[in-house]
Amino acid sequence: MSSLISKPSRTRKRPLQQVVQARLAKRKASGNDGGWSDPSKATRTPRILCIDDDPEICRTLEMRLSEYQAEVLVAYFGTQGFWEAITDHPDLILMDVSMPSGDGRFVLESLRNNQATEGIPVIVLTGMRDPELQAEMLALGADSFLNKPIHFDVLLREMQSFVQLSKRTE
């Protein structure tokens, strides 16, 4: 009979609040808490979240933005991007539409319906050329809609309408 009773799992998932608190503690320990503990020490480095299932797009953005004073966060599927937006509070989100595990429509709608993320600017970057899609994404709350492939200078200009990006002087 005792063989039918399973032992309690040692790999229980931590509640969301504990995960968020652990991330905030880690960020605070590294000296990059985004000014949450002391607003007078708020960092000036914009945090940009790239949500795209194409690793090349994310790597290219990281590489190109390394010339600027910006921190690039990456998520490769929709639900991961939504999670990163809630936990890391980026200043700007660059997002694809067609992704696994939560397409762009779902992610954008979730971002706009969440009090913690509703004010984060979102730029949609997609290879889809459907004008109805553009209208739909803007109606769902996207701040801008750009088609891939996009020239980096055009993207940079669009990003600078939401965050300040300065060239590194190093």
Protein backbone atom coordinates (compact mmCIF):
# COMPACT_ATOMS: atom_id res chain seq x y z
CA MET A 1 0.00 0.00 0.00
CA SER A 2 2.77 2.43 0.81
CA SER A 3 4.19 1.95 -2.68
CA LEU A 4 1.05 3.57 -4.12
CA ILE A 5 1.59 6.76 -2.13
CA SER A 6 3.96 9.07 -3.88
CA LYS A 7 6.37 11.30 -2.06
CA PRO A 8 5.78 15.02 -2.31
CA SER A 9 7.65 16.57 -5.18
CA ARG A 10 10.78 18.48 -4.25
CA THR A 11 10.59 20.54 -7.43
CA ARG A 12 7.56 22.60 -6.57
CA LYS A 13 7.13 25.76 -8.54
CA ARG A 14 7.63 28.97 -6.61
CA PRO A 15 4.75 31.42 -6.48
CA LEU A 16 5.01 34.33 -8.91
CA GLN A 17 5.60 36.83 -6.10
CA GLN A 18 8.67 34.90 -4.89
CA VAL A 19 10.11 34.75 -8.42
CA VAL A 20 9.62 38.48 -8.94
CA GLN A 21 11.13 39.30 -5.53
CA ALA A 22 14.13 37.06 -6.30
CA ARG A 23 14.71 38.86 -9.61
CA LEU A 24 14.41 42.27 -7.98
CA ALA A 25 16.85 41.25 -5.24
CA LYS A 26 19.30 39.96 -7.85
CA ARG A 27 19.01 43.19 -9.84
CA LYS A 28 19.46 45.29 -6.69
CA ALA A 29 22.53 43.27 -5.68
CA SER A 30 24.05 43.88 -9.11
CA GLY A 31 23.45 47.61 -8.72
CA ASN A 32 20.90 47.76 -11.55
CA ASP A 33 17.50 47.98 -9.89
CA GLY A 34 16.25 50.59 -12.35
CA GLY A 35 16.00 53.16 -9.57
CA TRP A 36 13.21 51.28 -7.80
CA SER A 37 14.87 51.33 -4.39
CA ASP A 38 15.93 54.99 -4.76
CA PRO A 39 14.34 57.05 -7.56
CA SER A 40 17.13 59.65 -7.33
CA LYS A 41 19.57 56.95 -8.51
CA ALA A 42 17.47 55.89 -11.49
CA THR A 43 19.59 54.55 -14.29
CA ARG A 44 19.58 56.46 -17.56
CA THR A 45 20.11 53.32 -19.64
CA PRO A 46 16.93 52.48 -21.54
CA ARG A 47 15.86 48.85 -21.40
CA ILE A 48 14.55 47.50 -24.68
CA LEU A 49 12.77 44.15 -24.85
CA CYS A 50 12.93 42.33 -28.20
CA ILE A 51 10.22 39.66 -28.55
CA ASP A 52 10.91 37.72 -31.73
CA ASP A 53 11.19 34.01 -32.49
CA ASP A 54 13.99 34.67 -34.98
CA PRO A 55 17.29 34.61 -33.03
CA GLU A 56 19.03 36.47 -35.86
CA ILE A 57 16.72 39.47 -35.45
CA CYS A 58 17.39 39.57 -31.71
CA ARG A 59 21.16 39.17 -32.13
CA THR A 60 21.26 41.84 -34.82
CA LEU A 61 19.36 44.28 -32.60
CA GLU A 62 21.66 43.50 -29.67
CA MET A 63 24.71 44.04 -31.88
CA ARG A 64 23.46 47.28 -33.45
CA LEU A 65 22.23 48.71 -30.15
CA SER A 66 25.54 47.89 -28.44
CA GLU A 67 26.79 51.13 -30.02
CA TYR A 68 24.21 52.98 -27.93
CA GLN A 69 23.64 53.25 -24.22
CA ALA A 70 20.84 50.68 -24.09
CA GLU A 71 20.25 47.31 -22.50
CA VAL A 72 18.60 44.76 -24.76
CA LEU A 73 16.46 42.01 -23.24
CA VAL A 74 15.40 39.08 -25.41
CA ALA A 75 12.40 36.75 -25.50
CA TYR A 76 11.91 34.17 -28.24
CA PHE A 77 8.19 33.49 -27.89
CA GLY A 78 5.10 35.42 -26.92
CA THR A 79 4.39 34.26 -23.39
CA GLN A 80 8.07 34.58 -22.47
CA GLY A 81 7.98 38.16 -23.78
CA PHE A 82 4.93 39.00 -21.71
CA TRP A 83 6.63 37.51 -18.63
CA GLU A 84 9.81 39.52 -19.28
CA ALA A 85 7.77 42.71 -19.68
CA ILE A 86 6.08 42.16 -16.32
CA THR A 87 9.22 41.20 -14.43
CA ASP A 88 11.85 43.43 -16.08
CA HIS A 89 9.79 46.57 -16.83
CA PRO A 90 11.46 47.58 -20.12
CA ASP A 91 11.19 51.14 -21.41
CA LEU A 92 10.32 49.94 -24.92
CA ILE A 93 9.19 46.69 -26.54
CA LEU A 94 10.03 45.62 -30.10
CA MET A 95 7.77 42.74 -31.05
CA ASP A 96 7.02 40.42 -33.95
CA VAL A 97 3.47 39.32 -34.74
CA SER A 98 3.89 35.71 -35.79
CA MET A 99 5.46 33.75 -32.92
CA PRO A 100 4.94 30.45 -31.13
CA SER A 101 3.34 30.34 -27.69
CA GLY A 102 1.43 33.58 -27.89
CA ASP A 103 1.33 35.50 -31.12
CA GLY A 104 1.76 39.26 -31.23
CA ARG A 105 -1.96 39.99 -31.02
CA PHE A 106 -2.26 38.00 -27.79
CA VAL A 107 0.90 39.53 -26.31
CA LEU A 108 -0.08 43.09 -27.21
CA GLU A 109 -3.57 42.63 -25.83
CA SER A 110 -2.13 41.13 -22.63
CA LEU A 111 0.35 44.00 -22.28
CA ARG A 112 -2.37 46.61 -22.67
CA ASN A 113 -4.71 44.85 -20.23
CA ASN A 114 -2.08 44.60 -17.48
CA GLN A 115 -1.64 47.58 -15.19
CA ALA A 116 2.13 47.02 -14.89
CA THR A 117 2.73 47.03 -18.66
CA GLU A 118 -0.08 49.09 -20.18
CA GLY A 119 2.08 52.20 -20.59
CA ILE A 120 5.15 50.58 -22.17
CA PRO A 121 5.52 51.69 -25.80
CA VAL A 122 5.35 48.83 -28.30
CA ILE A 123 6.79 48.87 -31.81
CA VAL A 124 5.56 45.99 -33.95
CA LEU A 125 8.14 44.66 -36.44
CA THR A 126 6.75 42.12 -38.89
CA GLY A 127 7.31 40.67 -42.32
CA MET A 128 3.55 40.52 -42.90
CA ARG A 129 2.41 43.14 -45.39
CA ASP A 130 -1.32 43.09 -44.63
CA PRO A 131 -2.78 46.61 -44.15
CA GLU A 132 -5.60 45.11 -42.09
CA LEU A 133 -3.03 43.62 -39.72
CA GLN A 134 -1.44 47.03 -39.29
CA ALA A 135 -4.81 48.59 -38.48
CA GLU A 136 -5.60 45.72 -36.08
CA MET A 137 -2.29 46.01 -34.20
CA LEU A 138 -2.61 49.78 -33.89
CA ALA A 139 -6.18 49.36 -32.64
CA LEU A 140 -4.95 46.85 -30.04
CA GLY A 141 -2.54 49.48 -28.72
CA ALA A 142 0.71 49.25 -30.71
CA ASP A 143 2.48 52.60 -30.78
CA SER A 144 4.12 51.96 -34.14
CA PHE A 145 4.04 49.34 -36.90
CA LEU A 146 7.05 48.70 -39.17
CA ASN A 147 7.60 46.09 -41.87
CA LYS A 148 10.68 43.85 -42.05
CA PRO A 149 13.22 44.10 -43.45
CA ILE A 150 13.74 47.54 -41.98
CA HIS A 151 16.72 49.82 -42.32
CA PHE A 152 18.34 50.28 -38.90
CA ASP A 153 18.32 54.09 -39.17
CA VAL A 154 14.53 54.06 -39.65
CA LEU A 155 14.10 51.76 -36.65
CA LEU A 156 16.49 53.87 -34.58
CA ARG A 157 14.54 57.04 -35.38
CA GLU A 158 11.29 55.33 -34.43
CA MET A 159 12.78 54.01 -31.17
CA GLN A 160 14.10 57.47 -30.29
CA SER A 161 10.57 58.83 -30.36
CA PHE A 162 9.98 56.70 -27.23
CA VAL A 163 13.39 56.39 -25.50
CA GLN A 164 16.59 58.39 -25.49
CA LEU A 165 19.39 56.50 -27.21
CA SER A 166 22.86 58.04 -27.01
CA LYS A 167 25.97 56.82 -28.78
CA ARG A 168 28.55 55.32 -26.46
CA THR A 169 31.60 57.52 -26.01
CA GLU A 170 33.96 54.71 -25.01
